[in-house]
């Protein structure tokens, strides 16, 4: 693939990976307030609202898992993920990119790719894949429930994914995404939404 084609593929991948990360943050914050703040549970304790509360939380959390795991896909065809992006980042391409831009980006790229390799083989990614594949994609009965992810695993993976993605943003876009600001804004939206929903229902 020619240099300009590779650059286009990298820019497209970063665009979608950043969009995916923003959506994962939104889902995480929408889930976290009602899941971990005891005030809402106290308001609905002993009512029929508890059932819908649990269904809503599980649905949001599993969408969070699905969104986050797309970045760790390993499908070969037309998939926007870290694995596919890493295939574009050859030594020759990085060398040409540094020459064309007069910027040293190799350390940032190599740091991000090393972190991706470490995370890809981690137990957290493995457990989240079990949830996605066996429990939701296929409703499999043949899996070890001790290996299933729990609340907290997706949040942990997201916190490790965002700096890795911003290393690549810094290398290729010469800027980083304001993930902390997105998190702060969405945390406020989620709190207002859930408190209003419980209060008015």
N, C-alpha and C. Protein backbone atom coordinates (compact mmCIF):
# COMPACT_ATOMS: atom_id res chain seq x y z
N UNK A 1 0.85 -1.19 0.00
CA UNK A 1 0.00 0.00 0.00
C UNK A 1 0.89 1.25 0.00
N UNK A 2 0.53 2.22 -0.81
CA UNK A 2 1.31 3.45 -0.92
C UNK A 2 1.21 4.29 0.37
N UNK A 3 2.19 5.16 0.56
CA UNK A 3 2.26 5.99 1.76
C UNK A 3 0.96 6.76 1.99
N UNK A 4 0.46 7.45 0.96
CA UNK A 4 -0.74 8.27 1.12
C UNK A 4 -1.97 7.41 1.45
N UNK A 5 -2.02 6.21 0.90
CA UNK A 5 -3.12 5.30 1.21
C UNK A 5 -3.06 4.88 2.67
N UNK A 6 -1.86 4.54 3.14
CA UNK A 6 -1.68 4.16 4.53
C UNK A 6 -2.05 5.29 5.47
N UNK A 7 -1.62 6.49 5.13
CA UNK A 7 -1.93 7.65 5.96
C UNK A 7 -3.44 7.85 6.04
N UNK A 8 -4.12 7.70 4.92
CA UNK A 8 -5.58 7.82 4.91
C UNK A 8 -6.24 6.78 5.78
N UNK A 9 -5.75 5.55 5.71
CA UNK A 9 -6.30 4.47 6.54
C UNK A 9 -6.08 4.76 8.03
N UNK A 10 -4.91 5.28 8.36
CA UNK A 10 -4.59 5.60 9.75
C UNK A 10 -5.49 6.72 10.26
N UNK A 11 -5.67 7.75 9.47
CA UNK A 11 -6.53 8.87 9.87
C UNK A 11 -7.97 8.41 10.04
N UNK A 12 -8.44 7.56 9.13
CA UNK A 12 -9.81 7.03 9.24
C UNK A 12 -9.95 6.17 10.50
N UNK A 13 -8.95 5.34 10.77
CA UNK A 13 -9.00 4.49 11.96
C UNK A 13 -9.03 5.33 13.24
N UNK A 14 -8.20 6.36 13.30
CA UNK A 14 -8.18 7.21 14.49
C UNK A 14 -9.51 7.94 14.68
N UNK A 15 -10.12 8.37 13.58
CA UNK A 15 -11.42 9.04 13.67
C UNK A 15 -12.44 8.13 14.34
N UNK A 16 -12.53 6.88 13.88
CA UNK A 16 -13.53 5.96 14.42
C UNK A 16 -13.16 5.44 15.80
N UNK A 17 -11.88 5.24 16.07
CA UNK A 17 -11.48 4.82 17.40
C UNK A 17 -11.78 5.90 18.44
N UNK A 18 -11.58 7.16 18.06
CA UNK A 18 -11.93 8.26 18.96
C UNK A 18 -13.43 8.36 19.18
N UNK A 19 -14.21 8.17 18.12
CA UNK A 19 -15.67 8.19 18.25
C UNK A 19 -16.13 7.06 19.17
N UNK A 20 -15.52 5.91 19.01
CA UNK A 20 -15.84 4.75 19.84
C UNK A 20 -15.49 5.03 21.30
N UNK A 21 -14.33 5.65 21.52
CA UNK A 21 -13.90 5.96 22.89
C UNK A 21 -14.86 6.96 23.55
N UNK A 22 -15.28 7.97 22.80
CA UNK A 22 -16.23 8.95 23.36
C UNK A 22 -17.54 8.27 23.76
N UNK A 23 -18.01 7.37 22.90
CA UNK A 23 -19.26 6.67 23.20
C UNK A 23 -19.08 5.76 24.43
N UNK A 24 -17.94 5.13 24.53
CA UNK A 24 -17.66 4.28 25.70
C UNK A 24 -17.66 5.11 26.98
N UNK A 25 -17.11 6.31 26.94
CA UNK A 25 -17.12 7.19 28.11
C UNK A 25 -18.56 7.55 28.48
N UNK A 26 -19.37 7.88 27.49
CA UNK A 26 -20.78 8.22 27.74
C UNK A 26 -21.52 7.06 28.41
N UNK A 27 -21.30 5.86 27.89
CA UNK A 27 -21.95 4.68 28.46
C UNK A 27 -21.45 4.40 29.87
N UNK A 28 -20.15 4.55 30.07
CA UNK A 28 -19.57 4.29 31.39
C UNK A 28 -20.15 5.24 32.44
N UNK A 29 -20.23 6.52 32.10
CA UNK A 29 -20.76 7.50 33.06
C UNK A 29 -22.26 7.33 33.26
N UNK A 30 -22.99 6.97 32.21
CA UNK A 30 -24.43 6.74 32.34
C UNK A 30 -24.69 5.56 33.26
N UNK A 31 -23.81 4.58 33.22
CA UNK A 31 -23.93 3.39 34.07
C UNK A 31 -23.45 3.65 35.50
N UNK A 32 -22.33 4.35 35.64
CA UNK A 32 -21.65 4.42 36.93
C UNK A 32 -22.47 5.08 38.02
N UNK A 33 -23.16 6.18 37.70
CA UNK A 33 -23.88 6.89 38.76
C UNK A 33 -24.96 6.01 39.40
N UNK A 34 -25.86 5.43 38.64
CA UNK A 34 -26.88 4.60 39.30
C UNK A 34 -26.32 3.30 39.86
N UNK A 35 -25.23 2.80 39.29
CA UNK A 35 -24.68 1.52 39.76
C UNK A 35 -23.95 1.66 41.08
N UNK A 36 -23.24 2.77 41.27
CA UNK A 36 -22.37 2.90 42.44
C UNK A 36 -22.86 3.92 43.47
N UNK A 37 -23.80 4.78 43.07
CA UNK A 37 -24.33 5.76 44.02
C UNK A 37 -25.55 5.15 44.74
N UNK A 38 -25.47 5.01 46.04
CA UNK A 38 -26.52 4.31 46.79
C UNK A 38 -27.81 5.12 46.91
N UNK A 39 -27.76 6.41 46.59
CA UNK A 39 -28.94 7.26 46.81
C UNK A 39 -30.12 6.81 45.95
N UNK A 40 -29.85 6.42 44.70
CA UNK A 40 -30.95 5.99 43.82
C UNK A 40 -31.54 4.68 44.31
N UNK A 41 -30.68 3.75 44.70
CA UNK A 41 -31.18 2.46 45.18
C UNK A 41 -32.05 2.63 46.43
N UNK A 42 -31.68 3.57 47.26
CA UNK A 42 -32.49 3.81 48.46
C UNK A 42 -33.87 4.35 48.10
N UNK A 43 -33.94 5.18 47.07
CA UNK A 43 -35.21 5.77 46.66
C UNK A 43 -36.18 4.73 46.11
N UNK A 44 -35.65 3.70 45.46
CA UNK A 44 -36.54 2.72 44.81
C UNK A 44 -36.60 1.39 45.55
N UNK A 45 -35.89 1.29 46.65
CA UNK A 45 -35.86 0.04 47.40
C UNK A 45 -37.27 -0.39 47.81
N UNK A 46 -37.59 -1.66 47.56
CA UNK A 46 -38.90 -2.18 47.93
C UNK A 46 -40.01 -1.88 46.94
N UNK A 47 -39.68 -1.25 45.81
CA UNK A 47 -40.69 -0.95 44.80
C UNK A 47 -40.46 -1.80 43.54
N UNK A 48 -41.43 -1.78 42.64
CA UNK A 48 -41.30 -2.50 41.38
C UNK A 48 -40.25 -1.88 40.46
N UNK A 49 -39.82 -0.66 40.79
CA UNK A 49 -38.82 0.02 39.95
C UNK A 49 -37.47 -0.70 39.98
N UNK A 50 -37.25 -1.50 41.02
CA UNK A 50 -35.97 -2.20 41.14
C UNK A 50 -35.71 -3.10 39.94
N UNK A 51 -36.77 -3.76 39.45
CA UNK A 51 -36.61 -4.69 38.33
C UNK A 51 -36.15 -3.96 37.08
N UNK A 52 -36.81 -2.87 36.74
CA UNK A 52 -36.43 -2.11 35.54
C UNK A 52 -35.07 -1.45 35.72
N UNK A 53 -34.79 -1.04 36.94
CA UNK A 53 -33.49 -0.44 37.25
C UNK A 53 -32.36 -1.41 36.90
N UNK A 54 -32.51 -2.66 37.31
CA UNK A 54 -31.47 -3.66 37.04
C UNK A 54 -31.37 -3.97 35.55
N UNK A 55 -32.49 -4.07 34.87
CA UNK A 55 -32.48 -4.34 33.42
C UNK A 55 -31.79 -3.20 32.69
N UNK A 56 -32.10 -1.96 33.07
CA UNK A 56 -31.49 -0.79 32.42
C UNK A 56 -29.98 -0.77 32.66
N UNK A 57 -29.57 -1.02 33.89
CA UNK A 57 -28.14 -1.02 34.20
C UNK A 57 -27.40 -2.09 33.40
N UNK A 58 -27.94 -3.29 33.36
CA UNK A 58 -27.29 -4.37 32.62
C UNK A 58 -27.21 -4.04 31.14
N UNK A 59 -28.27 -3.48 30.58
CA UNK A 59 -28.28 -3.15 29.15
C UNK A 59 -27.22 -2.10 28.83
N UNK A 60 -27.11 -1.08 29.67
CA UNK A 60 -26.11 -0.04 29.45
C UNK A 60 -24.71 -0.62 29.59
N UNK A 61 -24.51 -1.46 30.61
CA UNK A 61 -23.18 -2.01 30.84
C UNK A 61 -22.74 -2.92 29.70
N UNK A 62 -23.67 -3.72 29.19
CA UNK A 62 -23.30 -4.63 28.12
C UNK A 62 -23.07 -3.88 26.81
N UNK A 63 -23.78 -2.79 26.59
CA UNK A 63 -23.49 -1.94 25.43
C UNK A 63 -22.11 -1.30 25.60
N UNK A 64 -21.78 -0.95 26.83
CA UNK A 64 -20.45 -0.43 27.15
C UNK A 64 -19.38 -1.46 26.78
N UNK A 65 -19.59 -2.71 27.17
CA UNK A 65 -18.65 -3.77 26.82
C UNK A 65 -18.53 -3.93 25.32
N UNK A 66 -19.66 -3.97 24.62
CA UNK A 66 -19.64 -4.16 23.17
C UNK A 66 -18.89 -3.02 22.49
N UNK A 67 -19.14 -1.80 22.93
CA UNK A 67 -18.47 -0.63 22.35
C UNK A 67 -16.98 -0.67 22.59
N UNK A 68 -16.59 -0.96 23.82
CA UNK A 68 -15.18 -0.99 24.18
C UNK A 68 -14.44 -2.11 23.46
N UNK A 69 -15.07 -3.26 23.37
CA UNK A 69 -14.40 -4.41 22.77
C UNK A 69 -14.22 -4.29 21.27
N UNK A 70 -14.98 -3.42 20.63
CA UNK A 70 -14.75 -3.20 19.19
C UNK A 70 -13.32 -2.73 18.93
N UNK A 71 -12.75 -1.99 19.87
CA UNK A 71 -11.38 -1.51 19.68
C UNK A 71 -10.36 -2.64 19.79
N UNK A 72 -10.78 -3.77 20.40
CA UNK A 72 -9.87 -4.90 20.57
C UNK A 72 -10.26 -6.08 19.67
N UNK A 73 -11.04 -5.83 18.64
CA UNK A 73 -11.42 -6.87 17.69
C UNK A 73 -10.18 -7.42 16.99
N UNK A 74 -10.33 -8.62 16.48
CA UNK A 74 -9.22 -9.21 15.73
C UNK A 74 -9.69 -9.75 14.38
N UNK A 75 -10.85 -9.28 13.92
CA UNK A 75 -11.33 -9.71 12.62
C UNK A 75 -10.43 -9.14 11.53
N UNK A 76 -10.33 -9.87 10.45
CA UNK A 76 -9.38 -9.48 9.41
C UNK A 76 -9.96 -8.48 8.42
N UNK A 77 -11.27 -8.48 8.22
CA UNK A 77 -11.84 -7.71 7.12
C UNK A 77 -12.52 -6.43 7.60
N UNK A 78 -12.07 -5.30 7.07
CA UNK A 78 -12.79 -4.03 7.22
C UNK A 78 -13.20 -3.72 8.66
N UNK A 79 -12.27 -3.89 9.58
CA UNK A 79 -12.56 -3.62 10.98
C UNK A 79 -11.69 -2.47 11.48
N UNK A 80 -12.32 -1.51 12.13
CA UNK A 80 -11.55 -0.42 12.73
C UNK A 80 -11.22 -0.82 14.16
N UNK A 81 -9.97 -1.13 14.40
CA UNK A 81 -9.53 -1.59 15.72
C UNK A 81 -8.04 -1.34 15.84
N UNK A 82 -7.52 -1.49 17.05
CA UNK A 82 -6.09 -1.28 17.26
C UNK A 82 -5.25 -2.27 16.47
N UNK A 83 -5.73 -3.50 16.36
CA UNK A 83 -4.95 -4.50 15.63
C UNK A 83 -4.76 -4.09 14.17
N UNK A 84 -5.86 -3.65 13.55
CA UNK A 84 -5.77 -3.24 12.14
C UNK A 84 -4.88 -2.00 12.01
N UNK A 85 -5.05 -1.06 12.93
CA UNK A 85 -4.23 0.15 12.90
C UNK A 85 -2.75 -0.20 13.03
N UNK A 86 -2.43 -1.15 13.91
CA UNK A 86 -1.03 -1.51 14.11
C UNK A 86 -0.41 -2.10 12.85
N UNK A 87 -1.23 -2.74 12.02
CA UNK A 87 -0.73 -3.32 10.77
C UNK A 87 -0.30 -2.25 9.77
N UNK A 88 -0.92 -1.08 9.86
CA UNK A 88 -0.54 0.03 8.97
C UNK A 88 0.76 0.69 9.41
N UNK A 89 1.10 0.55 10.69
CA UNK A 89 2.22 1.31 11.26
C UNK A 89 3.53 0.55 11.12
N UNK A 90 3.94 0.36 9.91
CA UNK A 90 5.19 -0.34 9.62
C UNK A 90 6.38 0.59 9.89
N UNK A 91 7.55 0.01 10.04
CA UNK A 91 8.76 0.81 10.24
C UNK A 91 8.98 1.78 9.09
N UNK A 92 8.77 1.29 7.86
CA UNK A 92 8.96 2.15 6.69
C UNK A 92 8.00 3.33 6.70
N UNK A 93 6.74 3.05 7.07
CA UNK A 93 5.76 4.14 7.10
C UNK A 93 6.13 5.17 8.14
N UNK A 94 6.48 4.73 9.34
CA UNK A 94 6.82 5.66 10.42
C UNK A 94 8.04 6.51 10.03
N UNK A 95 9.01 5.87 9.44
CA UNK A 95 10.21 6.60 9.00
C UNK A 95 9.84 7.67 7.97
N UNK A 96 8.98 7.31 7.02
CA UNK A 96 8.56 8.26 5.99
C UNK A 96 7.72 9.38 6.59
N UNK A 97 6.87 9.02 7.54
CA UNK A 97 6.02 10.02 8.19
C UNK A 97 6.87 11.03 8.95
N UNK A 98 7.86 10.55 9.68
CA UNK A 98 8.74 11.46 10.43
C UNK A 98 9.51 12.37 9.48
N UNK A 99 9.92 11.82 8.37
CA UNK A 99 10.65 12.62 7.38
C UNK A 99 9.75 13.69 6.78
N UNK A 100 8.52 13.32 6.45
CA UNK A 100 7.59 14.27 5.81
C UNK A 100 7.12 15.36 6.76
N UNK A 101 6.94 15.00 8.02
CA UNK A 101 6.38 15.97 8.98
C UNK A 101 7.45 16.68 9.81
N UNK A 102 8.69 16.17 9.73
CA UNK A 102 9.78 16.71 10.54
C UNK A 102 9.44 16.67 12.03
N UNK A 103 8.79 15.58 12.42
CA UNK A 103 8.43 15.37 13.83
C UNK A 103 8.84 13.96 14.24
N UNK A 104 9.33 13.83 15.47
CA UNK A 104 9.66 12.50 16.00
C UNK A 104 8.43 11.91 16.68
N UNK A 105 7.88 10.87 16.08
CA UNK A 105 6.66 10.26 16.62
C UNK A 105 6.85 8.80 17.00
N UNK A 106 7.97 8.20 16.61
CA UNK A 106 8.17 6.77 16.85
C UNK A 106 8.00 6.37 18.32
N UNK A 107 8.57 7.10 19.29
CA UNK A 107 8.41 6.68 20.70
C UNK A 107 6.93 6.61 21.12
N UNK A 108 6.12 7.58 20.70
CA UNK A 108 4.71 7.57 21.06
C UNK A 108 3.98 6.38 20.43
N UNK A 109 4.29 6.11 19.17
CA UNK A 109 3.66 5.00 18.47
C UNK A 109 4.06 3.67 19.09
N UNK A 110 5.34 3.51 19.34
CA UNK A 110 5.82 2.25 19.91
C UNK A 110 5.29 2.03 21.32
N UNK A 111 5.17 3.11 22.10
CA UNK A 111 4.60 3.00 23.44
C UNK A 111 3.15 2.54 23.38
N UNK A 112 2.38 3.12 22.46
CA UNK A 112 0.96 2.74 22.31
C UNK A 112 0.83 1.30 21.85
N UNK A 113 1.65 0.89 20.89
CA UNK A 113 1.56 -0.47 20.37
C UNK A 113 1.99 -1.51 21.41
N UNK A 114 2.98 -1.16 22.22
CA UNK A 114 3.41 -2.07 23.30
C UNK A 114 2.29 -2.24 24.31
N UNK A 115 1.65 -1.13 24.67
CA UNK A 115 0.54 -1.19 25.62
C UNK A 115 -0.62 -2.01 25.05
N UNK A 116 -0.88 -1.84 23.75
CA UNK A 116 -1.94 -2.63 23.11
C UNK A 116 -1.62 -4.12 23.19
N UNK A 117 -0.39 -4.50 22.89
CA UNK A 117 -0.01 -5.92 22.95
C UNK A 117 -0.18 -6.47 24.37
N UNK A 118 0.18 -5.68 25.37
CA UNK A 118 0.03 -6.10 26.76
C UNK A 118 -1.44 -6.28 27.14
N UNK A 119 -2.26 -5.32 26.73
CA UNK A 119 -3.68 -5.38 27.05
C UNK A 119 -4.39 -6.50 26.30
N UNK A 120 -4.00 -6.69 25.04
CA UNK A 120 -4.65 -7.70 24.19
C UNK A 120 -4.61 -9.08 24.83
N UNK A 121 -3.51 -9.38 25.51
CA UNK A 121 -3.37 -10.69 26.14
C UNK A 121 -3.74 -10.72 27.61
N UNK A 122 -4.32 -9.64 28.11
CA UNK A 122 -4.62 -9.56 29.54
C UNK A 122 -5.90 -10.33 29.89
N UNK A 123 -6.03 -10.67 31.18
CA UNK A 123 -7.23 -11.38 31.62
C UNK A 123 -8.47 -10.51 31.50
N UNK A 124 -8.31 -9.19 31.62
CA UNK A 124 -9.47 -8.29 31.52
C UNK A 124 -10.08 -8.36 30.13
N UNK A 125 -9.25 -8.24 29.10
CA UNK A 125 -9.75 -8.34 27.72
C UNK A 125 -10.33 -9.73 27.48
N UNK A 126 -9.66 -10.76 27.98
CA UNK A 126 -10.14 -12.12 27.80
C UNK A 126 -11.52 -12.32 28.41
N UNK A 127 -11.73 -11.82 29.61
CA UNK A 127 -13.03 -11.98 30.27
C UNK A 127 -14.13 -11.19 29.57
N UNK A 128 -13.80 -9.99 29.10
CA UNK A 128 -14.80 -9.19 28.39
C UNK A 128 -15.17 -9.84 27.05
N UNK A 129 -14.20 -10.49 26.42
CA UNK A 129 -14.50 -11.22 25.17
C UNK A 129 -15.45 -12.39 25.43
N UNK A 130 -15.27 -13.05 26.57
CA UNK A 130 -16.17 -14.15 26.91
C UNK A 130 -17.60 -13.63 27.05
N UNK A 131 -17.74 -12.50 27.72
CA UNK A 131 -19.07 -11.90 27.88
C UNK A 131 -19.67 -11.60 26.52
N UNK A 132 -18.89 -10.95 25.67
CA UNK A 132 -19.42 -10.56 24.36
C UNK A 132 -19.74 -11.77 23.49
N UNK A 133 -18.80 -12.67 23.34
CA UNK A 133 -18.98 -13.79 22.42
C UNK A 133 -19.95 -14.84 22.94
N UNK A 134 -19.68 -15.33 24.14
CA UNK A 134 -20.44 -16.48 24.61
C UNK A 134 -21.79 -16.13 25.21
N UNK A 135 -21.86 -15.00 25.89
CA UNK A 135 -23.12 -14.67 26.56
C UNK A 135 -24.07 -13.89 25.68
N UNK A 136 -23.53 -13.04 24.79
CA UNK A 136 -24.43 -12.18 24.02
C UNK A 136 -24.50 -12.55 22.55
N UNK A 137 -23.36 -12.84 21.96
CA UNK A 137 -23.39 -13.15 20.53
C UNK A 137 -23.98 -14.53 20.29
N UNK A 138 -23.70 -15.48 21.19
CA UNK A 138 -24.09 -16.86 20.91
C UNK A 138 -24.90 -17.54 22.00
N UNK A 139 -25.06 -16.91 23.16
CA UNK A 139 -25.75 -17.53 24.29
C UNK A 139 -25.23 -18.95 24.51
N UNK A 140 -23.94 -19.05 24.64
CA UNK A 140 -23.29 -20.34 24.81
C UNK A 140 -23.51 -20.88 26.22
N UNK A 141 -23.64 -22.21 26.32
CA UNK A 141 -23.73 -22.84 27.64
C UNK A 141 -22.39 -23.44 28.04
N UNK A 142 -21.43 -23.38 27.14
CA UNK A 142 -20.14 -24.04 27.37
C UNK A 142 -19.05 -23.02 27.68
N UNK A 143 -19.15 -22.39 28.83
CA UNK A 143 -18.08 -21.50 29.25
C UNK A 143 -18.01 -21.48 30.77
N UNK A 144 -16.87 -21.15 31.26
CA UNK A 144 -16.61 -21.15 32.68
C UNK A 144 -17.07 -19.83 33.29
N UNK A 145 -18.08 -19.87 34.12
CA UNK A 145 -18.62 -18.63 34.69
C UNK A 145 -17.60 -17.92 35.58
N UNK A 146 -16.59 -18.63 36.04
CA UNK A 146 -15.55 -17.99 36.84
C UNK A 146 -14.67 -17.06 36.00
N UNK A 147 -14.75 -17.22 34.68
CA UNK A 147 -13.94 -16.39 33.79
C UNK A 147 -14.72 -15.22 33.20
N UNK A 148 -15.95 -15.03 33.64
CA UNK A 148 -16.77 -13.95 33.10
C UNK A 148 -16.42 -12.63 33.77
N UNK A 149 -16.42 -11.57 32.99
CA UNK A 149 -16.10 -10.24 33.52
C UNK A 149 -17.15 -9.80 34.53
N UNK A 150 -16.73 -8.94 35.43
CA UNK A 150 -17.61 -8.38 36.43
C UNK A 150 -17.64 -6.86 36.27
N UNK A 151 -18.59 -6.22 36.96
CA UNK A 151 -18.59 -4.77 36.97
C UNK A 151 -17.21 -4.29 37.43
N UNK A 152 -16.67 -3.36 36.72
CA UNK A 152 -15.35 -2.83 37.05
C UNK A 152 -14.31 -3.20 36.01
N UNK A 153 -14.45 -4.35 35.36
CA UNK A 153 -13.45 -4.76 34.37
C UNK A 153 -13.46 -3.85 33.14
N UNK A 154 -14.64 -3.53 32.64
CA UNK A 154 -14.71 -2.66 31.47
C UNK A 154 -14.20 -1.26 31.81
N UNK A 155 -14.54 -0.77 33.00
CA UNK A 155 -14.05 0.54 33.41
C UNK A 155 -12.52 0.54 33.48
N UNK A 156 -11.96 -0.53 34.00
CA UNK A 156 -10.50 -0.67 34.11
C UNK A 156 -9.86 -0.65 32.72
N UNK A 157 -10.45 -1.38 31.78
CA UNK A 157 -9.90 -1.41 30.43
C UNK A 157 -10.00 -0.05 29.75
N UNK A 158 -11.12 0.64 29.96
CA UNK A 158 -11.29 1.96 29.35
C UNK A 158 -10.20 2.92 29.84
N UNK A 159 -9.91 2.88 31.14
CA UNK A 159 -8.90 3.79 31.70
C UNK A 159 -7.52 3.52 31.13
N UNK A 160 -7.25 2.30 30.71
CA UNK A 160 -5.96 1.98 30.09
C UNK A 160 -5.96 2.26 28.59
N UNK A 161 -7.14 2.24 28.00
CA UNK A 161 -7.26 2.44 26.55
C UNK A 161 -7.11 3.90 26.16
N UNK A 162 -7.67 4.81 26.95
CA UNK A 162 -7.69 6.22 26.57
C UNK A 162 -6.28 6.83 26.45
N UNK A 163 -5.36 6.60 27.38
CA UNK A 163 -4.00 7.14 27.20
C UNK A 163 -3.29 6.55 25.99
N UNK A 164 -3.53 5.27 25.74
CA UNK A 164 -2.93 4.61 24.58
C UNK A 164 -3.42 5.27 23.29
N UNK A 165 -4.71 5.52 23.22
CA UNK A 165 -5.28 6.17 22.04
C UNK A 165 -4.77 7.59 21.90
N UNK A 166 -4.62 8.29 23.02
CA UNK A 166 -4.13 9.67 22.94
C UNK A 166 -2.66 9.75 22.57
N UNK A 167 -1.89 8.70 22.83
CA UNK A 167 -0.51 8.67 22.32
C UNK A 167 -0.51 8.69 20.79
N UNK A 168 -1.43 7.94 20.21
CA UNK A 168 -1.55 7.91 18.75
C UNK A 168 -2.13 9.21 18.21
N UNK A 169 -3.09 9.79 18.93
CA UNK A 169 -3.63 11.09 18.53
C UNK A 169 -2.53 12.15 18.52
N UNK A 170 -1.70 12.11 19.54
CA UNK A 170 -0.61 13.08 19.63
C UNK A 170 0.39 12.88 18.49
N UNK A 171 0.66 11.64 18.16
CA UNK A 171 1.63 11.35 17.09
C UNK A 171 1.12 11.78 15.73
N UNK A 172 -0.14 11.49 15.43
CA UNK A 172 -0.63 11.71 14.07
C UNK A 172 -1.49 12.95 13.90
N UNK A 173 -2.07 13.45 14.98
CA UNK A 173 -2.94 14.62 14.86
C UNK A 173 -2.35 15.82 15.58
N UNK A 174 -1.22 15.60 16.27
CA UNK A 174 -0.53 16.64 17.03
C UNK A 174 -1.45 17.29 18.06
N UNK A 175 -2.39 16.49 18.56
CA UNK A 175 -3.28 16.95 19.64
C UNK A 175 -3.86 15.72 20.31
N UNK A 176 -4.44 15.92 21.47
CA UNK A 176 -5.08 14.82 22.17
C UNK A 176 -6.56 15.13 22.33
N UNK A 177 -7.34 14.07 22.50
CA UNK A 177 -8.77 14.23 22.72
C UNK A 177 -9.02 14.59 24.19
N UNK A 178 -9.97 15.50 24.46
CA UNK A 178 -10.23 15.93 25.85
C UNK A 178 -11.13 14.94 26.60
N UNK A 179 -10.63 13.74 26.78
CA UNK A 179 -11.45 12.70 27.38
C UNK A 179 -11.90 13.04 28.80
N UNK A 180 -11.04 13.72 29.56
CA UNK A 180 -11.43 14.09 30.93
C UNK A 180 -12.59 15.07 30.94
N UNK A 181 -12.58 16.02 30.00
CA UNK A 181 -13.70 16.97 29.92
C UNK A 181 -14.98 16.27 29.49
N UNK A 182 -14.87 15.36 28.53
CA UNK A 182 -16.03 14.60 28.09
C UNK A 182 -16.62 13.82 29.27
N UNK A 183 -15.74 13.21 30.05
CA UNK A 183 -16.16 12.44 31.21
C UNK A 183 -16.89 13.33 32.22
N UNK A 184 -16.33 14.51 32.49
CA UNK A 184 -16.93 15.43 33.47
C UNK A 184 -18.31 15.90 33.02
N UNK A 185 -18.42 16.31 31.75
CA UNK A 185 -19.71 16.76 31.23
C UNK A 185 -20.73 15.63 31.30
N UNK A 186 -20.34 14.44 30.84
CA UNK A 186 -21.31 13.35 30.77
C UNK A 186 -21.71 12.86 32.15
N UNK A 187 -20.81 12.94 33.09
CA UNK A 187 -21.13 12.57 34.47
C UNK A 187 -22.26 13.47 34.99
N UNK A 188 -22.19 14.76 34.68
CA UNK A 188 -23.26 15.67 35.07
C UNK A 188 -24.56 15.36 34.37
N UNK A 189 -24.51 15.07 33.06
CA UNK A 189 -25.72 14.71 32.32
C UNK A 189 -26.37 13.46 32.91
N UNK A 190 -25.55 12.46 33.22
CA UNK A 190 -26.07 11.19 33.72
C UNK A 190 -26.73 11.37 35.09
N UNK A 191 -26.07 12.12 35.95
CA UNK A 191 -26.64 12.37 37.29
C UNK A 191 -27.99 13.07 37.17
N UNK A 192 -28.06 14.09 36.33
CA UNK A 192 -29.32 14.82 36.15
C UNK A 192 -30.40 13.92 35.57
N UNK A 193 -30.03 13.09 34.60
CA UNK A 193 -30.99 12.18 33.96
C UNK A 193 -31.58 11.19 34.95
N UNK A 194 -30.70 10.50 35.69
CA UNK A 194 -31.18 9.45 36.59
C UNK A 194 -31.97 10.02 37.76
N UNK A 195 -31.50 11.13 38.32
CA UNK A 195 -32.24 11.71 39.43
C UNK A 195 -33.61 12.21 38.98
N UNK A 196 -33.65 12.81 37.79
CA UNK A 196 -34.94 13.26 37.25
C UNK A 196 -35.86 12.11 36.94
N UNK A 197 -35.31 11.04 36.40
CA UNK A 197 -36.11 9.88 36.02
C UNK A 197 -36.74 9.24 37.25
N UNK A 198 -35.95 9.05 38.28
CA UNK A 198 -36.47 8.41 39.51
C UNK A 198 -37.47 9.33 40.21
N UNK A 199 -37.17 10.60 40.25
CA UNK A 199 -38.02 11.56 40.95
C UNK A 199 -39.38 11.70 40.28
N UNK A 200 -39.40 11.71 38.94
CA UNK A 200 -40.63 11.99 38.21
C UNK A 200 -41.43 10.74 37.86
N UNK A 201 -40.90 9.57 38.18
CA UNK A 201 -41.62 8.35 37.79
C UNK A 201 -42.41 7.79 38.97
